[in-house]
Amino acid sequence: MNIQESLKNLSYGVYVATTKTSEKSTGCIVNSVIQVTYNTMAISINHNNYTNECIKSSGHFAISILPEDIDENIIPTFGFQSGRNVNKFDNIEKITAQGLDIIKNCVSYLILDVINTIETETHTIFIAKIAGGDVINPNKTPMTYAYYHLIKKGLTPKNAPTFIEQETKTKGYKCSVCGYIYKGNIEDEPDDFICPICKQPKSVFKKIN
């Protein structure tokens, strides 16, 4: 029986959930977004994500549906660093709708108001009513989770519902933030080397034993 391989055949998209507090806009990558009824959606966000607590505080959020040709800095910015430590919208092209920041290069977006929450062991499921939305780039193709992995060779953020910690026998160094494996001796890299996925410094890499 191979449950994990079976789960990979489920269809997912790749989205950015954004919200706004009194201090700043923030957001995170999500892949578990479903339409529950004609005007109701559900998304799943890890308890550890800053976006989770911000949505609980604000009561509303937006979903930007990402295209296959999304800017390369979007997923590292929103998927592999915390809004507690950085302003994720610095240097990100955006538009604003109903007071929420949207990824400018998205295919389309939805504005949602939280009407209920369900707590699981690791994630909060937000049930939300659609309050608005629009198509921004109708000629772009939405990116699926399969495309992200197979074509873009993307990694799964540790807080994603689909993340599974896997053992590796690869020799090298592992980024403690996003899990990227550097094959070789990272000490040979200059001091300003950063992780190609999450853009964190060389100091966050740990040697694989």
C-alpha atoms as a PDB file:
ATOM      1  CA  MET A   1       0.000   0.000   0.000  1.00  0.00           C
ATOM      2  CA  ASN A   2       1.445   3.369  -1.059  1.00  0.00           C
ATOM      3  CA  ILE A   3      -0.703   6.181   0.312  1.00  0.00           C
ATOM      4  CA  GLN A   4       1.744   9.002  -0.416  1.00  0.00           C
ATOM      5  CA  GLU A   5       2.099   8.137  -4.101  1.00  0.00           C
ATOM      6  CA  SER A   6      -1.681   7.932  -4.351  1.00  0.00           C
ATOM      7  CA  LEU A   7      -2.075  11.389  -2.800  1.00  0.00           C
ATOM      8  CA  LYS A   8       0.233  12.844  -5.454  1.00  0.00           C
ATOM      9  CA  ASN A   9      -2.465  12.153  -8.047  1.00  0.00           C
ATOM     10  CA  LEU A  10      -4.852  14.617  -6.414  1.00  0.00           C
ATOM     11  CA  SER A  11      -5.138  17.913  -8.268  1.00  0.00           C
ATOM     12  CA  TYR A  12      -3.707  21.022  -6.582  1.00  0.00           C
ATOM     13  CA  GLY A  13      -3.008  24.561  -7.668  1.00  0.00           C
ATOM     14  CA  VAL A  14      -0.395  27.014  -6.429  1.00  0.00           C
ATOM     15  CA  TYR A  15      -1.688  30.204  -4.842  1.00  0.00           C
ATOM     16  CA  VAL A  16      -0.649  33.096  -2.629  1.00  0.00           C
ATOM     17  CA  ALA A  17      -2.987  33.844   0.292  1.00  0.00           C
ATOM     18  CA  THR A  18      -2.597  37.465   1.393  1.00  0.00           C
ATOM     19  CA  THR A  19      -4.045  39.471   4.241  1.00  0.00           C
ATOM     20  CA  LYS A  20      -3.417  42.769   5.998  1.00  0.00           C
ATOM     21  CA  THR A  21      -2.944  43.728   9.618  1.00  0.00           C
ATOM     22  CA  SER A  22      -2.700  47.199  11.097  1.00  0.00           C
ATOM     23  CA  GLU A  23       1.067  46.939  10.626  1.00  0.00           C
ATOM     24  CA  LYS A  24       1.607  45.487   7.155  1.00  0.00           C
ATOM     25  CA  SER A  25       0.475  43.199   4.360  1.00  0.00           C
ATOM     26  CA  THR A  26       1.677  39.615   4.445  1.00  0.00           C
ATOM     27  CA  GLY A  27       0.934  36.273   2.850  1.00  0.00           C
ATOM     28  CA  CYS A  28       2.048  32.714   2.170  1.00  0.00           C
ATOM     29  CA  ILE A  29       1.992  30.041  -0.496  1.00  0.00           C
ATOM     30  CA  VAL A  30      -0.993  27.679  -0.259  1.00  0.00           C
ATOM     31  CA  ASN A  31      -2.001  24.713  -2.368  1.00  0.00           C
ATOM     32  CA  SER A  32      -5.100  23.466  -0.550  1.00  0.00           C
ATOM     33  CA  VAL A  33      -7.843  25.752  -1.861  1.00  0.00           C
ATOM     34  CA  ILE A  34     -11.267  24.335  -2.705  1.00  0.00           C
ATOM     35  CA  GLN A  35     -14.646  25.671  -3.711  1.00  0.00           C
ATOM     36  CA  VAL A  36     -17.195  24.388  -1.189  1.00  0.00           C
ATOM     37  CA  THR A  37     -20.345  25.994  -2.661  1.00  0.00           C
ATOM     38  CA  TYR A  38     -21.084  28.577  -5.342  1.00  0.00           C
ATOM     39  CA  ASN A  39     -20.016  31.391  -2.987  1.00  0.00           C
ATOM     40  CA  THR A  40     -17.892  29.649  -0.336  1.00  0.00           C
ATOM     41  CA  MET A  41     -14.241  28.564  -0.330  1.00  0.00           C
ATOM     42  CA  ALA A  42     -11.978  26.691   2.077  1.00  0.00           C
ATOM     43  CA  ILE A  43      -8.202  26.961   2.486  1.00  0.00           C
ATOM     44  CA  SER A  44      -5.727  25.223   4.793  1.00  0.00           C
ATOM     45  CA  ILE A  45      -2.851  27.112   6.494  1.00  0.00           C
ATOM     46  CA  ASN A  46      -0.320  25.755   8.974  1.00  0.00           C
ATOM     47  CA  HIS A  47      -0.561  26.915  12.607  1.00  0.00           C
ATOM     48  CA  ASN A  48       3.065  28.087  12.451  1.00  0.00           C
ATOM     49  CA  ASN A  49       2.458  30.509   9.572  1.00  0.00           C
ATOM     50  CA  TYR A  50       2.288  34.177  10.462  1.00  0.00           C
ATOM     51  CA  THR A  51      -0.425  34.483   7.789  1.00  0.00           C
ATOM     52  CA  ASN A  52      -2.594  32.120   9.833  1.00  0.00           C
ATOM     53  CA  GLU A  53      -2.717  34.399  12.868  1.00  0.00           C
ATOM     54  CA  CYS A  54      -3.126  37.483  10.675  1.00  0.00           C
ATOM     55  CA  ILE A  55      -6.171  36.031   8.903  1.00  0.00           C
ATOM     56  CA  LYS A  56      -7.664  35.132  12.274  1.00  0.00           C
ATOM     57  CA  SER A  57      -7.118  38.715  13.380  1.00  0.00           C
ATOM     58  CA  SER A  58      -8.352  40.487  10.243  1.00  0.00           C
ATOM     59  CA  GLY A  59     -11.143  38.118   9.234  1.00  0.00           C
ATOM     60  CA  HIS A  60     -10.515  38.437   5.509  1.00  0.00           C
ATOM     61  CA  PHE A  61      -7.919  37.497   2.908  1.00  0.00           C
ATOM     62  CA  ALA A  62      -7.259  37.262  -0.822  1.00  0.00           C
ATOM     63  CA  ILE A  63      -6.195  34.371  -3.018  1.00  0.00           C
ATOM     64  CA  SER A  64      -3.921  35.133  -5.994  1.00  0.00           C
ATOM     65  CA  ILE A  65      -4.014  32.302  -8.548  1.00  0.00           C
ATOM     66  CA  LEU A  66      -0.471  31.984  -9.896  1.00  0.00           C
ATOM     67  CA  PRO A  67       0.390  31.393 -13.571  1.00  0.00           C
ATOM     68  CA  GLU A  68       2.972  28.950 -14.906  1.00  0.00           C
ATOM     69  CA  ASP A  69       5.283  31.846 -15.783  1.00  0.00           C
ATOM     70  CA  ILE A  70       5.121  33.468 -12.346  1.00  0.00           C
ATOM     71  CA  ASP A  71       8.101  35.644 -11.413  1.00  0.00           C
ATOM     72  CA  GLU A  72      10.838  33.478  -9.892  1.00  0.00           C
ATOM     73  CA  ASN A  73      10.975  35.472  -6.657  1.00  0.00           C
ATOM     74  CA  ILE A  74       7.291  34.981  -5.745  1.00  0.00           C
ATOM     75  CA  ILE A  75       7.446  31.416  -4.400  1.00  0.00           C
ATOM     76  CA  PRO A  76      10.718  31.887  -2.435  1.00  0.00           C
ATOM     77  CA  THR A  77       9.355  35.130  -0.967  1.00  0.00           C
ATOM     78  CA  PHE A  78       5.956  33.849   0.091  1.00  0.00           C
ATOM     79  CA  GLY A  79       6.792  30.171   0.606  1.00  0.00           C
ATOM     80  CA  PHE A  80      10.139  30.022   2.370  1.00  0.00           C
ATOM     81  CA  GLN A  81      10.363  32.945   4.771  1.00  0.00           C
ATOM     82  CA  SER A  82       8.194  34.300   7.554  1.00  0.00           C
ATOM     83  CA  GLY A  83       6.208  37.514   7.501  1.00  0.00           C
ATOM     84  CA  ARG A  84       7.179  37.918  11.163  1.00  0.00           C
ATOM     85  CA  ASN A  85      10.701  38.756  10.044  1.00  0.00           C
ATOM     86  CA  VAL A  86      10.320  40.449   6.655  1.00  0.00           C
ATOM     87  CA  ASN A  87       7.922  42.598   4.681  1.00  0.00           C
ATOM     88  CA  LYS A  88       7.059  40.167   1.909  1.00  0.00           C
ATOM     89  CA  PHE A  89       5.687  42.838  -0.401  1.00  0.00           C
ATOM     90  CA  ASP A  90       8.972  44.716  -0.597  1.00  0.00           C
ATOM     91  CA  ASN A  91       9.998  44.666  -4.282  1.00  0.00           C
ATOM     92  CA  ILE A  92       6.846  42.732  -5.287  1.00  0.00           C
ATOM     93  CA  GLU A  93       4.608  44.141  -8.024  1.00  0.00           C
ATOM     94  CA  LYS A  94       1.075  44.291  -6.693  1.00  0.00           C
ATOM     95  CA  ILE A  95      -2.392  45.691  -7.140  1.00  0.00           C
ATOM     96  CA  THR A  96      -4.888  46.459  -4.390  1.00  0.00           C
ATOM     97  CA  ALA A  97      -8.490  45.262  -4.196  1.00  0.00           C
ATOM     98  CA  GLN A  98     -10.824  45.951  -1.277  1.00  0.00           C
ATOM     99  CA  GLY A  99      -7.855  46.959   0.845  1.00  0.00           C
ATOM    100  CA  LEU A 100      -5.870  43.760   0.197  1.00  0.00           C
ATOM    101  CA  ASP A 101      -2.668  43.406  -1.808  1.00  0.00           C
ATOM    102  CA  ILE A 102      -2.794  41.050  -4.809  1.00  0.00           C
ATOM    103  CA  ILE A 103       0.079  39.598  -6.844  1.00  0.00           C
ATOM    104  CA  LYS A 104       0.055  41.709 -10.030  1.00  0.00           C
ATOM    105  CA  ASN A 105       1.131  38.882 -12.343  1.00  0.00           C
ATOM    106  CA  CYS A 106      -1.579  36.486 -11.126  1.00  0.00           C
ATOM    107  CA  VAL A 107      -4.121  34.888 -13.444  1.00  0.00           C
ATOM    108  CA  SER A 108      -6.999  36.029 -11.258  1.00  0.00           C
ATOM    109  CA  TYR A 109      -7.868  36.636  -7.628  1.00  0.00           C
ATOM    110  CA  LEU A 110     -10.611  36.176  -5.051  1.00  0.00           C
ATOM    111  CA  ILE A 111     -11.438  38.252  -1.981  1.00  0.00           C
ATOM    112  CA  LEU A 112     -12.797  36.212   0.934  1.00  0.00           C
ATOM    113  CA  ASP A 113     -14.377  36.890   4.330  1.00  0.00           C
ATOM    114  CA  VAL A 114     -13.906  34.245   7.027  1.00  0.00           C
ATOM    115  CA  ILE A 115     -17.174  32.741   8.311  1.00  0.00           C
ATOM    116  CA  ASN A 116     -15.829  29.712  10.202  1.00  0.00           C
ATOM    117  CA  THR A 117     -12.636  27.857  11.126  1.00  0.00           C
ATOM    118  CA  ILE A 118     -11.792  24.209  11.761  1.00  0.00           C
ATOM    119  CA  GLU A 119      -8.648  23.312  13.693  1.00  0.00           C
ATOM    120  CA  THR A 120      -6.689  20.180  12.806  1.00  0.00           C
ATOM    121  CA  GLU A 121      -3.520  18.930  14.510  1.00  0.00           C
ATOM    122  CA  THR A 122      -1.269  21.064  12.312  1.00  0.00           C
ATOM    123  CA  HIS A 123      -3.466  23.363  10.196  1.00  0.00           C
ATOM    124  CA  THR A 124      -6.409  25.732  10.374  1.00  0.00           C
ATOM    125  CA  ILE A 125      -9.077  25.307   7.718  1.00  0.00           C
ATOM    126  CA  PHE A 126     -10.617  28.678   6.968  1.00  0.00           C
ATOM    127  CA  ILE A 127     -14.161  28.589   5.580  1.00  0.00           C
ATOM    128  CA  ALA A 128     -14.798  31.876   3.795  1.00  0.00           C
ATOM    129  CA  LYS A 129     -17.451  33.579   1.693  1.00  0.00           C
ATOM    130  CA  ILE A 130     -16.459  35.110  -1.634  1.00  0.00           C
ATOM    131  CA  ALA A 131     -16.670  38.899  -1.387  1.00  0.00           C
ATOM    132  CA  GLY A 132     -15.082  39.807  -4.723  1.00  0.00           C
ATOM    133  CA  GLY A 133     -12.653  38.820  -7.428  1.00  0.00           C
ATOM    134  CA  ASP A 134     -11.501  39.471 -10.969  1.00  0.00           C
ATOM    135  CA  VAL A 135      -9.433  38.085 -13.843  1.00  0.00           C
ATOM    136  CA  ILE A 136      -6.161  39.974 -14.319  1.00  0.00           C
ATOM    137  CA  ASN A 137      -4.338  37.994 -17.019  1.00  0.00           C
ATOM    138  CA  PRO A 138      -6.897  35.886 -18.931  1.00  0.00           C
ATOM    139  CA  ASN A 139      -4.351  34.526 -21.411  1.00  0.00           C
ATOM    140  CA  LYS A 140      -2.098  33.007 -18.750  1.00  0.00           C
ATOM    141  CA  THR A 141      -2.310  29.340 -17.701  1.00  0.00           C
ATOM    142  CA  PRO A 142      -2.811  28.644 -13.969  1.00  0.00           C
ATOM    143  CA  MET A 143       0.061  26.692 -12.438  1.00  0.00           C
ATOM    144  CA  THR A 144      -0.756  23.293 -10.975  1.00  0.00           C
ATOM    145  CA  TYR A 145       1.168  21.744  -8.114  1.00  0.00           C
ATOM    146  CA  ALA A 146       2.319  18.966 -10.455  1.00  0.00           C
ATOM    147  CA  TYR A 147       3.707  21.546 -12.911  1.00  0.00           C
ATOM    148  CA  TYR A 148       5.502  23.318 -10.060  1.00  0.00           C
ATOM    149  CA  HIS A 149       7.304  20.090  -9.084  1.00  0.00           C
ATOM    150  CA  LEU A 150       7.864  18.456 -12.477  1.00  0.00           C
ATOM    151  CA  ILE A 151       8.687  21.476 -14.637  1.00  0.00           C
ATOM    152  CA  LYS A 152       9.945  24.120 -12.229  1.00  0.00           C
ATOM    153  CA  LYS A 153      11.553  21.490  -9.948  1.00  0.00           C
ATOM    154  CA  GLY A 154      10.133  23.316  -6.950  1.00  0.00           C
ATOM    155  CA  LEU A 155      10.400  22.237  -3.318  1.00  0.00           C
ATOM    156  CA  THR A 156       7.521  21.907  -0.849  1.00  0.00           C
ATOM    157  CA  PRO A 157       7.536  24.433   2.020  1.00  0.00           C
ATOM    158  CA  LYS A 158       7.780  22.753   5.432  1.00  0.00           C
ATOM    159  CA  ASN A 159       4.404  24.187   6.520  1.00  0.00           C
ATOM    160  CA  ALA A 160       2.511  23.003   3.442  1.00  0.00           C
ATOM    161  CA  PRO A 161      -0.212  20.338   3.950  1.00  0.00           C
ATOM    162  CA  THR A 162       1.586  18.133   1.401  1.00  0.00           C
ATOM    163  CA  PHE A 163       5.044  18.369   3.006  1.00  0.00           C
ATOM    164  CA  ILE A 164       6.577  15.060   4.098  1.00  0.00           C
ATOM    165  CA  GLU A 165       9.996  14.874   5.767  1.00  0.00           C
ATOM    166  CA  GLN A 166      12.090  12.433   3.768  1.00  0.00           C
ATOM    167  CA  GLU A 167      15.442  10.922   4.620  1.00  0.00           C
ATOM    168  CA  THR A 168      18.229  11.441   2.152  1.00  0.00           C
ATOM    169  CA  LYS A 169      21.591   9.769   1.641  1.00  0.00           C
ATOM    170  CA  THR A 170      22.868  12.671  -0.431  1.00  0.00           C
ATOM    171  CA  LYS A 171      26.139  14.112   0.839  1.00  0.00           C
ATOM    172  CA  GLY A 172      26.211  17.858   1.227  1.00  0.00           C
ATOM    173  CA  TYR A 173      24.448  20.595   3.179  1.00  0.00           C
ATOM    174  CA  LYS A 174      20.751  21.105   3.822  1.00  0.00           C
ATOM    175  CA  CYS A 175      19.052  24.485   4.174  1.00  0.00           C
ATOM    176  CA  SER A 176      17.362  24.492   7.583  1.00  0.00           C
ATOM    177  CA  VAL A 177      14.704  26.918   6.305  1.00  0.00           C
ATOM    178  CA  CYS A 178      13.403  25.324   3.104  1.00  0.00           C
ATOM    179  CA  GLY A 179      15.128  21.937   2.871  1.00  0.00           C
ATOM    180  CA  TYR A 180      17.148  22.646  -0.279  1.00  0.00           C
ATOM    181  CA  ILE A 181      20.112  20.262  -0.628  1.00  0.00           C
ATOM    182  CA  TYR A 182      23.472  21.723  -1.632  1.00  0.00           C
ATOM    183  CA  LYS A 183      25.550  18.884  -3.081  1.00  0.00           C
ATOM    184  CA  GLY A 184      29.183  19.413  -2.227  1.00  0.00           C
ATOM    185  CA  ASN A 185      31.081  21.544   0.271  1.00  0.00           C
ATOM    186  CA  ILE A 186      29.213  24.782   0.896  1.00  0.00           C
ATOM    187  CA  GLU A 187      32.287  26.184   2.633  1.00  0.00           C
ATOM    188  CA  ASP A 188      33.763  26.620  -0.843  1.00  0.00           C
ATOM    189  CA  GLU A 189      31.077  29.212  -1.596  1.00  0.00           C
ATOM    190  CA  PRO A 190      31.691  32.924  -0.869  1.00  0.00           C
ATOM    191  CA  ASP A 191      30.321  34.460   2.335  1.00  0.00           C
ATOM    192  CA  ASP A 192      27.514  36.205   0.431  1.00  0.00           C
ATOM    193  CA  PHE A 193      26.156  32.900  -0.933  1.00  0.00           C
ATOM    194  CA  ILE A 194      22.396  32.547  -0.458  1.00  0.00           C
ATOM    195  CA  CYS A 195      20.014  29.622  -0.820  1.00  0.00           C
ATOM    196  CA  PRO A 196      18.629  29.604  -4.389  1.00  0.00           C
ATOM    197  CA  ILE A 197      15.163  28.738  -3.082  1.00  0.00           C
ATOM    198  CA  CYS A 198      14.521  30.749   0.082  1.00  0.00           C
ATOM    199  CA  LYS A 199      17.303  33.348  -0.294  1.00  0.00           C
ATOM    200  CA  GLN A 200      18.640  32.725   3.227  1.00  0.00           C
ATOM    201  CA  PRO A 201      22.386  33.091   3.986  1.00  0.00           C
ATOM    202  CA  LYS A 202      24.979  30.342   4.013  1.00  0.00           C
ATOM    203  CA  SER A 203      24.860  30.232   7.814  1.00  0.00           C
ATOM    204  CA  VAL A 204      21.473  28.435   7.814  1.00  0.00           C
ATOM    205  CA  PHE A 205      22.882  25.379   6.016  1.00  0.00           C
ATOM    206  CA  LYS A 206      23.588  22.281   8.092  1.00  0.00           C
ATOM    207  CA  LYS A 207      25.870  19.447   7.071  1.00  0.00           C
ATOM    208  CA  ILE A 208      24.080  16.207   6.223  1.00  0.00           C
ATOM    209  CA  ASN A 209      25.450  13.343   8.311  1.00  0.00           C
END
